[in-house]
Amino acid sequence: MSSPISPRGQTWEEVRAELYTPEEIKESDIRVAVMSELIKARNERGISQRELEKLSGVKQPVISRMEAGATSPHFDTVVKVLMALGKTIEIVPLPKSN
């Protein structure tokens, strides 16, 4: 799938590469991946954000902001939510870049 072209004739990847360092892009990609997995796990369990609040002790507005990428949650908060979903985090090496 190709990226949309901006009015300046650039793809998002080209603009992103101009604005951010490779390290910042990798960090952003990891955050997006973690939040995507969190949303997927909640949906697989068929529970609402309100139900997840009751299970995890993390307030629903915080869960909403996490899922929307509008906040950078504390690690403890992510762990509470993941545990309530029956999930954990695994530390794995990053793929080598060329």
C-alpha atoms as a PDB file:
ATOM      1  CA  MET A   1       0.000   0.000   0.000  1.00  0.00           C
ATOM      2  CA  SER A   2       1.498   3.342  -0.966  1.00  0.00           C
ATOM      3  CA  SER A   3       1.467   6.354   1.320  1.00  0.00           C
ATOM      4  CA  PRO A   4      -0.671   9.376   0.599  1.00  0.00           C
ATOM      5  CA  ILE A   5       1.127  12.199  -1.125  1.00  0.00           C
ATOM      6  CA  SER A   6       1.241  15.530   0.705  1.00  0.00           C
ATOM      7  CA  PRO A   7       0.526  18.855  -1.014  1.00  0.00           C
ATOM      8  CA  ARG A   8       4.300  19.246  -1.234  1.00  0.00           C
ATOM      9  CA  GLY A   9       4.506  16.019  -3.234  1.00  0.00           C
ATOM     10  CA  GLN A  10       6.033  13.949  -0.427  1.00  0.00           C
ATOM     11  CA  THR A  11       4.873  10.725   1.185  1.00  0.00           C
ATOM     12  CA  TRP A  12       4.342  10.569   4.942  1.00  0.00           C
ATOM     13  CA  GLU A  13       7.489   8.427   5.239  1.00  0.00           C
ATOM     14  CA  GLU A  14       9.533  11.154   3.506  1.00  0.00           C
ATOM     15  CA  VAL A  15       8.095  13.903   5.714  1.00  0.00           C
ATOM     16  CA  ARG A  16       8.545  11.769   8.824  1.00  0.00           C
ATOM     17  CA  ALA A  17      12.190  11.091   7.933  1.00  0.00           C
ATOM     18  CA  GLU A  18      12.784  14.843   7.600  1.00  0.00           C
ATOM     19  CA  LEU A  19      11.144  15.675  10.932  1.00  0.00           C
ATOM     20  CA  TYR A  20      12.351  12.855  13.173  1.00  0.00           C
ATOM     21  CA  THR A  21      15.553  10.958  13.831  1.00  0.00           C
ATOM     22  CA  PRO A  22      15.611   7.217  13.110  1.00  0.00           C
ATOM     23  CA  GLU A  23      15.626   6.595  16.869  1.00  0.00           C
ATOM     24  CA  GLU A  24      12.512   8.743  17.381  1.00  0.00           C
ATOM     25  CA  ILE A  25      10.744   6.884  14.588  1.00  0.00           C
ATOM     26  CA  LYS A  26      11.613   3.492  16.135  1.00  0.00           C
ATOM     27  CA  GLU A  27      10.392   4.660  19.557  1.00  0.00           C
ATOM     28  CA  SER A  28       7.130   5.882  18.054  1.00  0.00           C
ATOM     29  CA  ASP A  29       6.661   2.614  16.162  1.00  0.00           C
ATOM     30  CA  ILE A  30       7.155   0.630  19.388  1.00  0.00           C
ATOM     31  CA  ARG A  31       4.603   2.787  21.255  1.00  0.00           C
ATOM     32  CA  VAL A  32       2.087   2.327  18.440  1.00  0.00           C
ATOM     33  CA  ALA A  33       2.688  -1.440  18.401  1.00  0.00           C
ATOM     34  CA  VAL A  34       2.179  -1.750  22.182  1.00  0.00           C
ATOM     35  CA  MET A  35      -1.027   0.288  22.147  1.00  0.00           C
ATOM     36  CA  SER A  36      -2.322  -1.623  19.110  1.00  0.00           C
ATOM     37  CA  GLU A  37      -1.766  -4.905  20.938  1.00  0.00           C
ATOM     38  CA  LEU A  38      -3.490  -3.514  24.024  1.00  0.00           C
ATOM     39  CA  ILE A  39      -6.551  -2.533  21.966  1.00  0.00           C
ATOM     40  CA  LYS A  40      -6.512  -5.911  20.198  1.00  0.00           C
ATOM     41  CA  ALA A  41      -6.357  -7.760  23.533  1.00  0.00           C
ATOM     42  CA  ARG A  42      -9.279  -5.740  24.930  1.00  0.00           C
ATOM     43  CA  ASN A  43     -11.348  -6.360  21.812  1.00  0.00           C
ATOM     44  CA  GLU A  44     -10.507 -10.096  21.839  1.00  0.00           C
ATOM     45  CA  ARG A  45     -11.828 -10.273  25.403  1.00  0.00           C
ATOM     46  CA  GLY A  46     -14.927  -8.361  24.272  1.00  0.00           C
ATOM     47  CA  ILE A  47     -14.762  -5.837  27.077  1.00  0.00           C
ATOM     48  CA  SER A  48     -15.344  -2.107  27.104  1.00  0.00           C
ATOM     49  CA  GLN A  49     -12.959   0.489  28.446  1.00  0.00           C
ATOM     50  CA  ARG A  50     -15.272   0.855  31.468  1.00  0.00           C
ATOM     51  CA  GLU A  51     -15.049  -2.887  32.149  1.00  0.00           C
ATOM     52  CA  LEU A  52     -11.267  -2.700  31.785  1.00  0.00           C
ATOM     53  CA  GLU A  53     -11.267   0.130  34.334  1.00  0.00           C
ATOM     54  CA  LYS A  54     -12.973  -2.176  36.850  1.00  0.00           C
ATOM     55  CA  LEU A  55     -10.552  -5.029  36.137  1.00  0.00           C
ATOM     56  CA  SER A  56      -7.354  -2.968  36.149  1.00  0.00           C
ATOM     57  CA  GLY A  57      -8.025  -0.061  38.487  1.00  0.00           C
ATOM     58  CA  VAL A  58      -6.948   2.330  35.713  1.00  0.00           C
ATOM     59  CA  LYS A  59      -9.551   5.030  35.069  1.00  0.00           C
ATOM     60  CA  GLN A  60     -11.444   4.796  31.755  1.00  0.00           C
ATOM     61  CA  PRO A  61     -10.340   8.260  30.544  1.00  0.00           C
ATOM     62  CA  VAL A  62      -6.708   7.193  31.016  1.00  0.00           C
ATOM     63  CA  ILE A  63      -7.363   3.994  29.048  1.00  0.00           C
ATOM     64  CA  SER A  64      -9.035   6.044  26.313  1.00  0.00           C
ATOM     65  CA  ARG A  65      -6.085   8.446  26.073  1.00  0.00           C
ATOM     66  CA  MET A  66      -3.646   5.518  26.026  1.00  0.00           C
ATOM     67  CA  GLU A  67      -5.512   3.792  23.211  1.00  0.00           C
ATOM     68  CA  ALA A  68      -5.754   7.038  21.227  1.00  0.00           C
ATOM     69  CA  GLY A  69      -2.043   7.715  21.616  1.00  0.00           C
ATOM     70  CA  ALA A  70      -2.859  11.008  23.315  1.00  0.00           C
ATOM     71  CA  THR A  71      -0.664  10.272  26.317  1.00  0.00           C
ATOM     72  CA  SER A  72       2.547   8.512  27.167  1.00  0.00           C
ATOM     73  CA  PRO A  73       1.458   6.345  30.106  1.00  0.00           C
ATOM     74  CA  HIS A  74       3.666   5.271  32.967  1.00  0.00           C
ATOM     75  CA  PHE A  75       5.008   1.753  32.611  1.00  0.00           C
ATOM     76  CA  ASP A  76       3.131   0.718  35.776  1.00  0.00           C
ATOM     77  CA  THR A  77      -0.137   1.813  34.163  1.00  0.00           C
ATOM     78  CA  VAL A  78       0.538  -0.238  31.030  1.00  0.00           C
ATOM     79  CA  VAL A  79       1.401  -3.268  33.180  1.00  0.00           C
ATOM     80  CA  LYS A  80      -1.843  -2.936  35.205  1.00  0.00           C
ATOM     81  CA  VAL A  81      -3.926  -2.823  32.031  1.00  0.00           C
ATOM     82  CA  LEU A  82      -2.066  -5.697  30.392  1.00  0.00           C
ATOM     83  CA  MET A  83      -2.332  -7.888  33.504  1.00  0.00           C
ATOM     84  CA  ALA A  84      -6.086  -7.257  33.637  1.00  0.00           C
ATOM     85  CA  LEU A  85      -6.212  -8.457  30.025  1.00  0.00           C
ATOM     86  CA  GLY A  86      -4.183 -11.577  30.831  1.00  0.00           C
ATOM     87  CA  LYS A  87      -1.169 -10.271  28.905  1.00  0.00           C
ATOM     88  CA  THR A  88       2.432  -9.355  29.652  1.00  0.00           C
ATOM     89  CA  ILE A  89       5.344  -7.716  27.873  1.00  0.00           C
ATOM     90  CA  GLU A  90       8.186  -9.696  26.372  1.00  0.00           C
ATOM     91  CA  ILE A  91      11.558  -8.066  25.778  1.00  0.00           C
ATOM     92  CA  VAL A  92      12.970  -9.041  22.396  1.00  0.00           C
ATOM     93  CA  PRO A  93      15.841  -7.674  20.309  1.00  0.00           C
ATOM     94  CA  LEU A  94      14.999  -5.086  17.702  1.00  0.00           C
ATOM     95  CA  PRO A  95      15.474  -6.187  14.103  1.00  0.00           C
ATOM     96  CA  LYS A  96      18.809  -5.094  12.687  1.00  0.00           C
ATOM     97  CA  SER A  97      18.520  -2.188  10.288  1.00  0.00           C
ATOM     98  CA  ASN A  98      20.686  -1.945   7.198  1.00  0.00           C
END
